[in-house]
C-alpha atoms as a PDB file:
ATOM      1  CA  MET A   1     -43.054  89.493-227.818  1.00  0.00           C
ATOM      2  CA  SER A   2     -39.413  89.993-226.641  1.00  0.00           C
ATOM      3  CA  LYS A   3     -37.728  86.589-224.971  1.00  0.00           C
ATOM      4  CA  LYS A   4     -37.605  88.979-221.774  1.00  0.00           C
ATOM      5  CA  HIS A   5     -41.219  89.685-221.858  1.00  0.00           C
ATOM      6  CA  SER A   6     -42.124  86.198-222.422  1.00  0.00           C
ATOM      7  CA  LEU A   7     -40.067  84.973-219.788  1.00  0.00           C
ATOM      8  CA  ALA A   8     -41.406  87.482-217.241  1.00  0.00           C
ATOM      9  CA  VAL A   9     -45.080  86.535-218.302  1.00  0.00           C
ATOM     10  CA  THR A  10     -44.152  82.716-218.102  1.00  0.00           C
ATOM     11  CA  ASN A  11     -42.852  83.410-214.651  1.00  0.00           C
ATOM     12  CA  THR A  12     -45.481  85.191-213.281  1.00  0.00           C
ATOM     13  CA  ILE A  13     -48.151  82.816-214.653  1.00  0.00           C
ATOM     14  CA  LEU A  14     -46.224  79.819-212.631  1.00  0.00           C
ATOM     15  CA  ILE A  15     -46.008  82.131-209.522  1.00  0.00           C
ATOM     16  CA  ALA A  16     -49.668  82.484-209.762  1.00  0.00           C
ATOM     17  CA  LEU A  17     -50.469  78.926-209.897  1.00  0.00           C
ATOM     18  CA  PHE A  18     -48.004  78.235-207.274  1.00  0.00           C
ATOM     19  CA  VAL A  19     -49.436  80.484-204.841  1.00  0.00           C
ATOM     20  CA  PHE A  20     -53.139  78.966-205.832  1.00  0.00           C
ATOM     21  CA  PHE A  21     -51.937  75.664-205.297  1.00  0.00           C
ATOM     22  CA  SER A  22     -50.503  76.250-202.011  1.00  0.00           C
ATOM     23  CA  THR A  23     -53.567  78.018-200.850  1.00  0.00           C
ATOM     24  CA  HIS A  24     -55.852  75.711-201.962  1.00  0.00           C
ATOM     25  CA  LEU A  25     -54.170  72.518-200.752  1.00  0.00           C
ATOM     26  CA  SER A  26     -53.272  73.823-197.212  1.00  0.00           C
ATOM     27  CA  ALA A  27     -57.232  74.727-196.996  1.00  0.00           C
ATOM     28  CA  GLN A  28     -58.024  71.030-198.200  1.00  0.00           C
ATOM     29  CA  ASN A  29     -55.765  69.686-195.531  1.00  0.00           C
ATOM     30  CA  GLN A  30     -58.639  70.737-193.136  1.00  0.00           C
ATOM     31  CA  ASN A  31     -60.939  69.037-194.894  1.00  0.00           C
ATOM     32  CA  GLN A  32     -62.413  65.975-193.251  1.00  0.00           C
ATOM     33  CA  ASN A  33     -63.062  64.180-196.753  1.00  0.00           C
ATOM     34  CA  LEU A  34     -59.359  63.617-196.943  1.00  0.00           C
ATOM     35  CA  THR A  35     -57.971  60.105-196.629  1.00  0.00           C
ATOM     36  CA  SER A  36     -55.014  59.592-194.492  1.00  0.00           C
ATOM     37  CA  ARG A  37     -51.568  60.208-195.898  1.00  0.00           C
ATOM     38  CA  GLY A  38     -51.046  56.321-196.466  1.00  0.00           C
ATOM     39  CA  ASP A  39     -53.608  56.400-199.348  1.00  0.00           C
ATOM     40  CA  PHE A  40     -51.448  58.887-201.278  1.00  0.00           C
ATOM     41  CA  TRP A  41     -51.469  56.511-204.025  1.00  0.00           C
ATOM     42  CA  GLN A  42     -54.897  55.940-203.711  1.00  0.00           C
ATOM     43  CA  ASN A  43     -55.717  59.526-205.494  1.00  0.00           C
ATOM     44  CA  ILE A  44     -53.340  59.211-207.973  1.00  0.00           C
ATOM     45  CA  GLN A  45     -54.938  58.833-211.640  1.00  0.00           C
ATOM     46  CA  PHE A  46     -52.916  58.174-214.572  1.00  0.00           C
ATOM     47  CA  GLY A  47     -54.473  58.812-218.448  1.00  0.00           C
ATOM     48  CA  GLY A  48     -53.876  61.540-221.053  1.00  0.00           C
ATOM     49  CA  GLY A  49     -54.769  61.444-224.766  1.00  0.00           C
ATOM     50  CA  LEU A  50     -53.661  59.810-228.297  1.00  0.00           C
ATOM     51  CA  GLY A  51     -54.172  61.713-231.571  1.00  0.00           C
ATOM     52  CA  LEU A  52     -54.126  60.861-235.135  1.00  0.00           C
ATOM     53  CA  SER A  53     -54.885  62.958-237.838  1.00  0.00           C
ATOM     54  CA  PHE A  54     -54.288  61.997-241.488  1.00  0.00           C
ATOM     55  CA  GLY A  55     -54.880  63.679-244.564  1.00  0.00           C
ATOM     56  CA  ASN A  56     -54.081  64.289-248.468  1.00  0.00           C
ATOM     57  CA  ARG A  57     -50.260  64.047-247.899  1.00  0.00           C
ATOM     58  CA  TYR A  58     -50.626  65.105-244.059  1.00  0.00           C
ATOM     59  CA  THR A  59     -50.248  63.334-240.358  1.00  0.00           C
ATOM     60  CA  ASP A  60     -50.611  64.535-237.278  1.00  0.00           C
ATOM     61  CA  ILE A  61     -49.543  62.016-234.359  1.00  0.00           C
ATOM     62  CA  THR A  62     -49.534  63.016-230.935  1.00  0.00           C
ATOM     63  CA  VAL A  63     -48.804  61.091-227.515  1.00  0.00           C
ATOM     64  CA  ALA A  64     -49.830  63.048-224.561  1.00  0.00           C
ATOM     65  CA  PRO A  65     -49.587  60.817-220.983  1.00  0.00           C
ATOM     66  CA  SER A  66     -50.340  62.599-217.879  1.00  0.00           C
ATOM     67  CA  ALA A  67     -51.267  61.824-214.026  1.00  0.00           C
ATOM     68  CA  ILE A  68     -53.144  63.876-211.696  1.00  0.00           C
ATOM     69  CA  TYR A  69     -53.548  64.026-207.699  1.00  0.00           C
ATOM     70  CA  ASN A  70     -57.193  64.053-206.445  1.00  0.00           C
ATOM     71  CA  VAL A  71     -56.808  66.252-203.313  1.00  0.00           C
ATOM     72  CA  ASN A  72     -60.742  65.830-202.965  1.00  0.00           C
ATOM     73  CA  GLU A  73     -63.730  64.888-204.835  1.00  0.00           C
ATOM     74  CA  TYR A  74     -63.926  68.424-206.119  1.00  0.00           C
ATOM     75  CA  PHE A  75     -60.125  69.252-207.175  1.00  0.00           C
ATOM     76  CA  ALA A  76     -57.121  67.621-209.040  1.00  0.00           C
ATOM     77  CA  VAL A  77     -53.567  68.812-209.908  1.00  0.00           C
ATOM     78  CA  GLY A  78     -51.455  67.248-212.155  1.00  0.00           C
ATOM     79  CA  LEU A  79     -48.257  66.899-214.740  1.00  0.00           C
ATOM     80  CA  GLY A  80     -48.242  65.879-218.033  1.00  0.00           C
ATOM     81  CA  ALA A  81     -46.117  65.509-220.857  1.00  0.00           C
ATOM     82  CA  GLN A  82     -46.607  65.745-224.797  1.00  0.00           C
ATOM     83  CA  TYR A  83     -44.589  64.557-228.007  1.00  0.00           C
ATOM     84  CA  THR A  84     -46.233  65.522-231.508  1.00  0.00           C
ATOM     85  CA  TYR A  85     -45.123  64.749-234.804  1.00  0.00           C
ATOM     86  CA  VAL A  86     -46.620  66.642-237.879  1.00  0.00           C
ATOM     87  CA  LYS A  87     -45.431  66.383-241.330  1.00  0.00           C
ATOM     88  CA  GLN A  88     -46.958  67.791-244.675  1.00  0.00           C
ATOM     89  CA  LYS A  89     -45.289  65.483-247.475  1.00  0.00           C
ATOM     90  CA  GLU A  90     -42.543  67.817-249.658  1.00  0.00           C
ATOM     91  CA  VAL A  91     -43.378  70.926-247.705  1.00  0.00           C
ATOM     92  CA  PHE A  92     -42.561  70.436-243.871  1.00  0.00           C
ATOM     93  CA  ASN A  93     -42.171  68.364-240.754  1.00  0.00           C
ATOM     94  CA  SER A  94     -42.300  69.222-237.200  1.00  0.00           C
ATOM     95  CA  ASN A  95     -41.572  67.831-233.860  1.00  0.00           C
ATOM     96  CA  MET A  96     -42.949  69.221-230.984  1.00  0.00           C
ATOM     97  CA  TYR A  97     -42.393  68.115-227.203  1.00  0.00           C
ATOM     98  CA  GLY A  98     -42.903  69.575-223.777  1.00  0.00           C
ATOM     99  CA  GLY A  99     -44.371  69.265-220.456  1.00  0.00           C
ATOM    100  CA  SER A 100     -47.539  71.217-218.478  1.00  0.00           C
ATOM    101  CA  LEU A 101     -49.082  71.508-215.107  1.00  0.00           C
ATOM    102  CA  ILE A 102     -53.150  70.956-214.931  1.00  0.00           C
ATOM    103  CA  THR A 103     -55.444  71.871-212.672  1.00  0.00           C
ATOM    104  CA  LEU A 104     -59.014  70.622-212.531  1.00  0.00           C
ATOM    105  CA  PHE A 105     -62.055  71.637-210.374  1.00  0.00           C
ATOM    106  CA  ASN A 106     -65.399  69.697-210.489  1.00  0.00           C
ATOM    107  CA  PRO A 107     -68.299  72.174-208.758  1.00  0.00           C
ATOM    108  CA  LEU A 108     -70.726  69.439-210.068  1.00  0.00           C
ATOM    109  CA  GLN A 109     -70.035  65.672-210.735  1.00  0.00           C
ATOM    110  CA  GLU A 110     -70.770  66.107-214.290  1.00  0.00           C
ATOM    111  CA  ILE A 111     -69.084  69.424-214.810  1.00  0.00           C
ATOM    112  CA  GLN A 112     -65.037  69.900-214.845  1.00  0.00           C
ATOM    113  CA  LEU A 113     -63.131  73.206-215.391  1.00  0.00           C
ATOM    114  CA  SER A 114     -59.557  73.370-216.004  1.00  0.00           C
ATOM    115  CA  ALA A 115     -56.564  75.302-216.022  1.00  0.00           C
ATOM    116  CA  GLU A 116     -53.368  73.999-218.067  1.00  0.00           C
ATOM    117  CA  LEU A 117     -49.894  75.786-218.275  1.00  0.00           C
ATOM    118  CA  GLU A 118     -47.852  74.332-221.302  1.00  0.00           C
ATOM    119  CA  GLN A 119     -44.316  74.475-222.476  1.00  0.00           C
ATOM    120  CA  LEU A 120     -43.381  73.074-225.798  1.00  0.00           C
ATOM    121  CA  ARG A 121     -40.228  73.200-227.692  1.00  0.00           C
ATOM    122  CA  VAL A 122     -41.053  73.468-231.369  1.00  0.00           C
ATOM    123  CA  ASN A 123     -38.577  72.291-234.336  1.00  0.00           C
ATOM    124  CA  VAL A 124     -40.113  72.923-237.663  1.00  0.00           C
ATOM    125  CA  LYS A 125     -38.093  72.073-240.819  1.00  0.00           C
ATOM    126  CA  GLY A 126     -38.933  72.821-244.440  1.00  0.00           C
ATOM    127  CA  ILE A 127     -38.459  69.994-247.167  1.00  0.00           C
ATOM    128  CA  GLY A 128     -37.183  70.429-250.522  1.00  0.00           C
ATOM    129  CA  MET A 129     -37.411  73.801-252.135  1.00  0.00           C
ATOM    130  CA  ASN A 130     -38.955  74.837-248.417  1.00  0.00           C
ATOM    131  CA  ASN A 131     -35.796  74.872-247.215  1.00  0.00           C
ATOM    132  CA  PHE A 132     -35.975  76.700-243.719  1.00  0.00           C
ATOM    133  CA  SER A 133     -35.806  75.844-239.960  1.00  0.00           C
ATOM    134  CA  ASN A 134     -37.519  77.256-236.984  1.00  0.00           C
ATOM    135  CA  ASN A 135     -37.129  76.309-233.350  1.00  0.00           C
ATOM    136  CA  PHE A 136     -38.690  78.294-230.442  1.00  0.00           C
ATOM    137  CA  TRP A 137     -40.429  77.664-227.249  1.00  0.00           C
ATOM    138  CA  ASN A 138     -44.098  77.946-227.036  1.00  0.00           C
ATOM    139  CA  THR A 139     -46.195  78.804-223.948  1.00  0.00           C
ATOM    140  CA  GLY A 140     -49.752  78.091-223.682  1.00  0.00           C
ATOM    141  CA  LEU A 141     -52.541  78.968-220.575  1.00  0.00           C
ATOM    142  CA  PHE A 142     -55.424  77.066-221.731  1.00  0.00           C
ATOM    143  CA  LEU A 143     -58.773  77.715-219.807  1.00  0.00           C
ATOM    144  CA  GLY A 144     -61.229  75.128-220.432  1.00  0.00           C
ATOM    145  CA  ALA A 145     -64.620  73.422-219.542  1.00  0.00           C
ATOM    146  CA  GLY A 146     -66.230  69.859-220.029  1.00  0.00           C
ATOM    147  CA  TYR A 147     -69.044  67.399-219.470  1.00  0.00           C
ATOM    148  CA  ARG A 148     -67.613  64.822-217.468  1.00  0.00           C
ATOM    149  CA  ASN A 149     -69.155  60.963-217.120  1.00  0.00           C
ATOM    150  CA  GLY A 150     -66.983  58.755-214.988  1.00  0.00           C
ATOM    151  CA  ASN A 151     -63.300  58.793-216.031  1.00  0.00           C
ATOM    152  CA  ILE A 152     -63.928  60.332-219.188  1.00  0.00           C
ATOM    153  CA  THR A 153     -64.494  64.741-220.111  1.00  0.00           C
ATOM    154  CA  ILE A 154     -65.190  65.711-223.238  1.00  0.00           C
ATOM    155  CA  GLY A 155     -64.905  69.675-223.686  1.00  0.00           C
ATOM    156  CA  ALA A 156     -63.007  72.861-225.084  1.00  0.00           C
ATOM    157  CA  ARG A 157     -59.997  74.922-223.995  1.00  0.00           C
ATOM    158  CA  TYR A 158     -59.235  78.222-225.066  1.00  0.00           C
ATOM    159  CA  ASN A 159     -55.417  79.533-225.212  1.00  0.00           C
ATOM    160  CA  VAL A 160     -55.524  82.858-223.717  1.00  0.00           C
ATOM    161  CA  LEU A 161     -52.099  83.281-224.746  1.00  0.00           C
ATOM    162  CA  HIS A 162     -52.485  82.610-228.671  1.00  0.00           C
ATOM    163  CA  LYS A 163     -51.361  85.058-230.985  1.00  0.00           C
ATOM    164  CA  GLU A 164     -52.322  84.713-234.410  1.00  0.00           C
ATOM    165  CA  ASP A 165     -49.619  83.333-236.956  1.00  0.00           C
ATOM    166  CA  GLN A 166     -47.325  83.083-233.981  1.00  0.00           C
ATOM    167  CA  GLY A 167     -46.455  79.906-232.110  1.00  0.00           C
ATOM    168  CA  ALA A 168     -47.650  75.878-232.131  1.00  0.00           C
ATOM    169  CA  TYR A 169     -51.198  76.159-232.520  1.00  0.00           C
ATOM    170  CA  SER A 170     -53.139  77.695-235.445  1.00  0.00           C
ATOM    171  CA  ASP A 171     -56.219  78.498-233.468  1.00  0.00           C
ATOM    172  CA  ALA A 172     -56.840  79.249-229.924  1.00  0.00           C
ATOM    173  CA  PHE A 173     -59.872  77.167-229.407  1.00  0.00           C
ATOM    174  CA  MET A 174     -59.397  73.352-229.409  1.00  0.00           C
ATOM    175  CA  PRO A 175     -61.809  71.053-228.439  1.00  0.00           C
ATOM    176  CA  PHE A 176     -60.431  67.998-226.252  1.00  0.00           C
ATOM    177  CA  VAL A 177     -61.113  64.445-224.338  1.00  0.00           C
ATOM    178  CA  ARG A 178     -59.507  63.786-221.315  1.00  0.00           C
ATOM    179  CA  VAL A 179     -59.667  60.113-219.716  1.00  0.00           C
ATOM    180  CA  TYR A 180     -58.131  59.058-216.194  1.00  0.00           C
ATOM    181  CA  PHE A 181     -57.531  55.540-214.752  1.00  0.00           C
END
């Protein structure tokens, strides 16, 4: 995909999300269940994820904090950040960092649907005989569903922009555990 095409797709997605948020948020302001404006910080939850994976000469560490604003009991919007370090000894190491926009919809108390737009900067460097360097931006649009119990959601998400052998992730399908306090 060319840079112009990738930028156009990203801009289209961002505009669509902005319109969706604006329309949904203005409709929700009419809802009697919303708290007063002075309670803004009471509707904020912080959380995110940590990931550690170790194997035969392989290390993968991820830190992904995020915060959401609960518009009401059904809908939340938020921002996230991510840093991932991956190393396969004597082959390569990689640093990925970036941010995301997330929307959560809970049609039932136990069910959570999500959409997440993620933009990561990926820096990969070969080691030893694999002397190479690859630096690029990776955009992902993840649609997910999970089972929610209190502050914890366990589920799976799918990157609808995933292309084989391109980008930061080897697979479009990813399980997740999401925690907010």
